[in-house]
Amino acid sequence: MAIKIIVFEDNEKLRISLKALFEYNDEFELIGAYEDPIDAKKIIKKERPDVVLLDIDMPKMNGITAIPIIKEANPLVSIIMYTQFGDEDRLFESLCAGADGYILKNISPLKLFDAILEVQKGGVPLSPEVAKKMLHFFQHDKKKSKERFGLTERESEVLQLLVKGYSIKSIASKLNISYDTSRSHLRNIYHKLHVTCGKEAIAKVLSGKIQL
């Protein structure tokens, strides 16, 4: 079954381009493309998409403001911010508001497809530039970070992969461990960081406000 997608984007040319792009891939079905998220609650409840591509800078409503509205309408929908802004402030605000991924508009069509598939698998898709910033933040003072977080060496490796956007399955494959072991490490990480999911862990890493 095709992944159902809704787009909120005020650039008409980009909306048209995205429509054409998804028409040529049977894995995806674009069921709606709107210039703003003013009526997002009604649209999401009616159309029941699997994934929402959400711009940030829109004249009638900021995309970050729309995130909790969309999540309230359907808590199971995955939201990927699709924006030209790669700064840490908007990234952090988006993740804290409930976004499930953050990609820049300069990403290739294939990478966009990969991001949608990844978020459906439970990953946190990030554009390379964004992931690099987050990883740099995480690695800036690695020793100090470990002391603050109380993470083991393996948990630190798992968290770094999570920051890069890897899913539980992908982390297991990358580190040559079982799926259950990967999931166990993530549970321990969430417990130590006092969070409940991967996106909250990433947001907390970026904020630098983690306390033991």
Protein backbone atom coordinates (compact mmCIF):
# COMPACT_ATOMS: atom_id res chain seq x y z
CA MET A 1 0.00 0.00 0.00
CA ALA A 2 1.30 3.45 -0.94
CA ILE A 3 2.34 5.89 1.80
CA LYS A 4 -0.20 8.72 1.87
CA ILE A 5 1.33 12.18 1.95
CA ILE A 6 0.03 15.70 2.51
CA VAL A 7 2.12 18.79 1.79
CA PHE A 8 1.79 22.25 3.36
CA GLU A 9 3.90 24.62 1.27
CA ASP A 10 3.18 28.21 0.23
CA ASN A 11 5.41 28.10 -2.87
CA GLU A 12 3.08 27.15 -5.71
CA LYS A 13 5.87 26.08 -8.07
CA LEU A 14 7.28 23.75 -5.44
CA ARG A 15 3.85 22.25 -4.75
CA ILE A 16 3.44 21.53 -8.45
CA SER A 17 6.92 20.00 -8.60
CA LEU A 18 6.19 17.75 -5.62
CA LYS A 19 2.92 16.61 -7.20
CA ALA A 20 4.77 15.63 -10.36
CA LEU A 21 7.54 13.95 -8.36
CA PHE A 22 5.23 11.68 -6.37
CA GLU A 23 3.18 10.74 -9.42
CA TYR A 24 6.15 8.78 -10.77
CA ASN A 25 6.71 6.66 -7.66
CA ASP A 26 4.18 3.97 -6.77
CA GLU A 27 5.40 3.81 -3.16
CA PHE A 28 3.84 7.20 -2.44
CA GLU A 29 0.49 8.88 -2.96
CA LEU A 30 0.16 12.64 -2.62
CA ILE A 31 -3.40 13.10 -1.37
CA GLY A 32 -3.24 16.84 -0.81
CA ALA A 33 -1.06 19.92 -1.27
CA TYR A 34 -2.01 23.16 0.48
CA GLU A 35 -0.53 26.65 0.60
CA ASP A 36 -0.92 26.97 4.38
CA PRO A 37 -1.90 24.86 7.41
CA ILE A 38 -4.75 27.09 8.59
CA ASP A 39 -7.24 24.22 8.10
CA ALA A 40 -4.74 21.51 9.01
CA LYS A 41 -6.85 19.99 11.80
CA LYS A 42 -9.84 19.44 9.53
CA ILE A 43 -7.68 18.25 6.62
CA ILE A 44 -5.72 15.74 8.68
CA LYS A 45 -8.83 14.29 10.31
CA LYS A 46 -10.53 13.88 6.93
CA GLU A 47 -7.64 12.61 4.78
CA ARG A 48 -5.72 10.55 7.40
CA PRO A 49 -2.25 10.85 5.82
CA ASP A 50 0.71 8.75 6.92
CA VAL A 51 3.24 11.57 6.46
CA VAL A 52 3.04 15.36 6.35
CA LEU A 53 5.70 17.46 4.64
CA LEU A 54 5.55 20.80 6.42
CA ASP A 55 7.21 24.06 5.43
CA ILE A 56 8.19 26.46 8.21
CA ASP A 57 8.00 29.98 6.80
CA MET A 58 4.42 30.44 5.59
CA PRO A 59 2.57 33.78 5.72
CA LYS A 60 -0.71 32.70 7.36
CA MET A 61 0.65 30.23 9.91
CA ASN A 62 4.16 29.22 10.88
CA GLY A 63 4.80 25.53 10.26
CA ILE A 64 6.19 24.99 13.76
CA THR A 65 2.97 26.39 15.21
CA ALA A 66 1.02 23.88 13.11
CA ILE A 67 2.87 20.81 14.43
CA PRO A 68 0.85 20.32 17.65
CA ILE A 69 -2.37 21.02 15.76
CA ILE A 70 -1.56 18.26 13.28
CA LYS A 71 -0.49 15.86 16.03
CA GLU A 72 -3.70 16.54 17.94
CA ALA A 73 -5.73 15.72 14.84
CA ASN A 74 -3.81 12.46 14.35
CA PRO A 75 -1.10 11.47 16.87
CA LEU A 76 0.09 8.67 14.56
CA VAL A 77 0.96 10.90 11.61
CA SER A 78 4.66 11.50 10.94
CA ILE A 79 5.69 15.13 10.35
CA ILE A 80 8.81 15.96 8.36
CA MET A 81 9.81 19.62 8.29
CA TYR A 82 10.64 20.50 4.68
CA THR A 83 12.39 23.85 4.79
CA GLN A 84 15.22 26.05 3.59
CA PHE A 85 16.27 26.89 7.16
CA GLY A 86 19.09 24.81 8.61
CA ASP A 87 19.70 26.78 11.81
CA GLU A 88 19.70 25.07 15.20
CA ASP A 89 16.95 27.25 16.68
CA ARG A 90 14.29 26.22 14.18
CA LEU A 91 15.48 22.62 14.26
CA PHE A 92 15.26 22.48 18.05
CA GLU A 93 11.87 24.21 18.11
CA SER A 94 10.51 21.79 15.49
CA LEU A 95 11.67 18.66 17.33
CA CYS A 96 10.40 19.96 20.66
CA ALA A 97 7.03 20.75 19.08
CA GLY A 98 6.73 17.14 17.87
CA ALA A 99 8.30 16.97 14.40
CA ASP A 100 9.62 13.54 13.40
CA GLY A 101 12.24 14.69 10.88
CA TYR A 102 13.92 17.78 9.47
CA ILE A 103 15.14 18.00 5.87
CA LEU A 104 16.23 20.89 3.70
CA LYS A 105 14.70 21.72 0.36
CA ASN A 106 18.00 21.27 -1.45
CA ILE A 107 17.75 17.53 -0.85
CA SER A 108 17.56 15.29 -3.94
CA PRO A 109 14.29 13.54 -4.88
CA LEU A 110 15.79 10.15 -3.98
CA LYS A 111 16.85 11.44 -0.57
CA LEU A 112 13.37 12.86 -0.04
CA PHE A 113 11.89 9.43 -0.79
CA ASP A 114 14.41 7.85 1.61
CA ALA A 115 13.45 10.33 4.34
CA ILE A 116 9.77 9.45 4.03
CA LEU A 117 10.51 5.72 4.13
CA GLU A 118 12.84 6.21 7.09
CA VAL A 119 10.31 8.12 9.18
CA GLN A 120 7.76 5.37 8.51
CA LYS A 121 10.24 2.88 9.97
CA GLY A 122 10.61 4.91 13.14
CA GLY A 123 13.76 6.80 12.17
CA VAL A 124 14.39 10.53 12.47
CA PRO A 125 15.39 11.68 8.97
CA LEU A 126 17.71 14.67 8.85
CA SER A 127 19.45 16.40 5.96
CA PRO A 128 23.22 15.80 6.02
CA GLU A 129 23.92 19.44 6.87
CA VAL A 130 21.50 19.31 9.80
CA ALA A 131 22.79 15.96 11.06
CA LYS A 132 26.36 17.26 10.89
CA LYS A 133 25.48 20.25 13.07
CA MET A 134 23.80 18.04 15.62
CA LEU A 135 26.62 15.51 15.63
CA HIS A 136 29.18 18.29 16.05
CA PHE A 137 27.23 19.59 19.01
CA PHE A 138 27.16 16.09 20.49
CA GLN A 139 30.87 15.43 19.91
CA HIS A 140 32.15 18.88 20.90
CA ASP A 141 33.02 17.74 24.39
CA LYS A 142 32.49 14.01 24.24
CA LYS A 143 34.03 13.16 27.60
CA LYS A 144 32.08 15.81 29.43
CA SER A 145 28.88 14.77 27.69
CA LYS A 146 29.33 11.15 28.78
CA GLU A 147 29.87 12.19 32.38
CA ARG A 148 26.74 14.29 32.30
CA PHE A 149 24.57 11.72 30.54
CA GLY A 150 25.92 8.68 32.35
CA LEU A 151 26.00 6.78 29.03
CA THR A 152 28.12 3.71 28.36
CA GLU A 153 30.44 3.60 25.36
CA ARG A 154 27.91 1.52 23.40
CA GLU A 155 25.01 3.78 24.37
CA SER A 156 27.03 6.74 23.16
CA GLU A 157 27.52 5.02 19.79
CA VAL A 158 23.81 4.25 19.56
CA LEU A 159 22.88 7.84 20.39
CA GLN A 160 25.24 9.17 17.72
CA LEU A 161 23.54 6.96 15.12
CA LEU A 162 20.14 8.08 16.37
CA VAL A 163 21.23 11.70 15.89
CA LYS A 164 22.17 10.81 12.30
CA GLY A 165 18.60 9.60 11.69
CA TYR A 166 19.10 5.83 11.90
CA SER A 167 16.11 3.63 12.84
CA ILE A 168 16.34 0.89 15.49
CA LYS A 169 16.81 -1.72 12.76
CA SER A 170 19.47 0.34 11.00
CA ILE A 171 21.36 0.93 14.26
CA ALA A 172 21.38 -2.81 14.92
CA SER A 173 22.75 -3.51 11.45
CA LYS A 174 25.39 -0.76 11.68
CA LEU A 175 26.70 -1.94 15.05
CA ASN A 176 26.28 -5.65 14.26
CA ILE A 177 23.95 -6.25 17.20
CA SER A 178 20.46 -7.73 17.40
CA TYR A 179 17.31 -5.67 16.99
CA ASP A 180 16.33 -6.40 20.61
CA THR A 181 19.75 -5.28 21.86
CA SER A 182 19.49 -2.07 19.86
CA ARG A 183 16.06 -1.43 21.30
CA SER A 184 17.32 -2.17 24.82
CA HIS A 185 20.16 0.36 24.44
CA LEU A 186 17.67 3.00 23.27
CA ARG A 187 15.40 2.31 26.25
CA ASN A 188 18.37 2.80 28.58
CA ILE A 189 19.32 6.04 26.78
CA TYR A 190 15.78 7.40 27.04
CA HIS A 191 15.72 6.54 30.75
CA LYS A 192 19.03 8.30 31.41
CA LEU A 193 18.04 11.36 29.41
CA HIS A 194 14.55 11.42 30.95
CA VAL A 195 12.82 11.31 27.56
CA THR A 196 10.28 8.97 25.96
CA CYS A 197 11.35 8.76 22.33
CA GLY A 198 14.15 9.34 19.83
CA LYS A 199 13.14 12.81 18.72
CA GLU A 200 13.04 14.00 22.36
CA ALA A 201 16.52 12.55 22.88
CA ILE A 202 17.83 14.39 19.82
CA ALA A 203 16.18 17.62 20.93
CA LYS A 204 17.74 17.31 24.35
CA VAL A 205 21.17 16.67 22.91
CA LEU A 206 20.80 19.80 20.79
CA SER A 207 19.56 21.91 23.70
CA GLY A 208 22.53 21.05 25.92
CA LYS A 209 20.19 21.02 28.93
CA ILE A 210 20.55 17.33 29.81
CA GLN A 211 20.78 16.63 33.53
CA LEU A 212 21.44 13.30 35.25
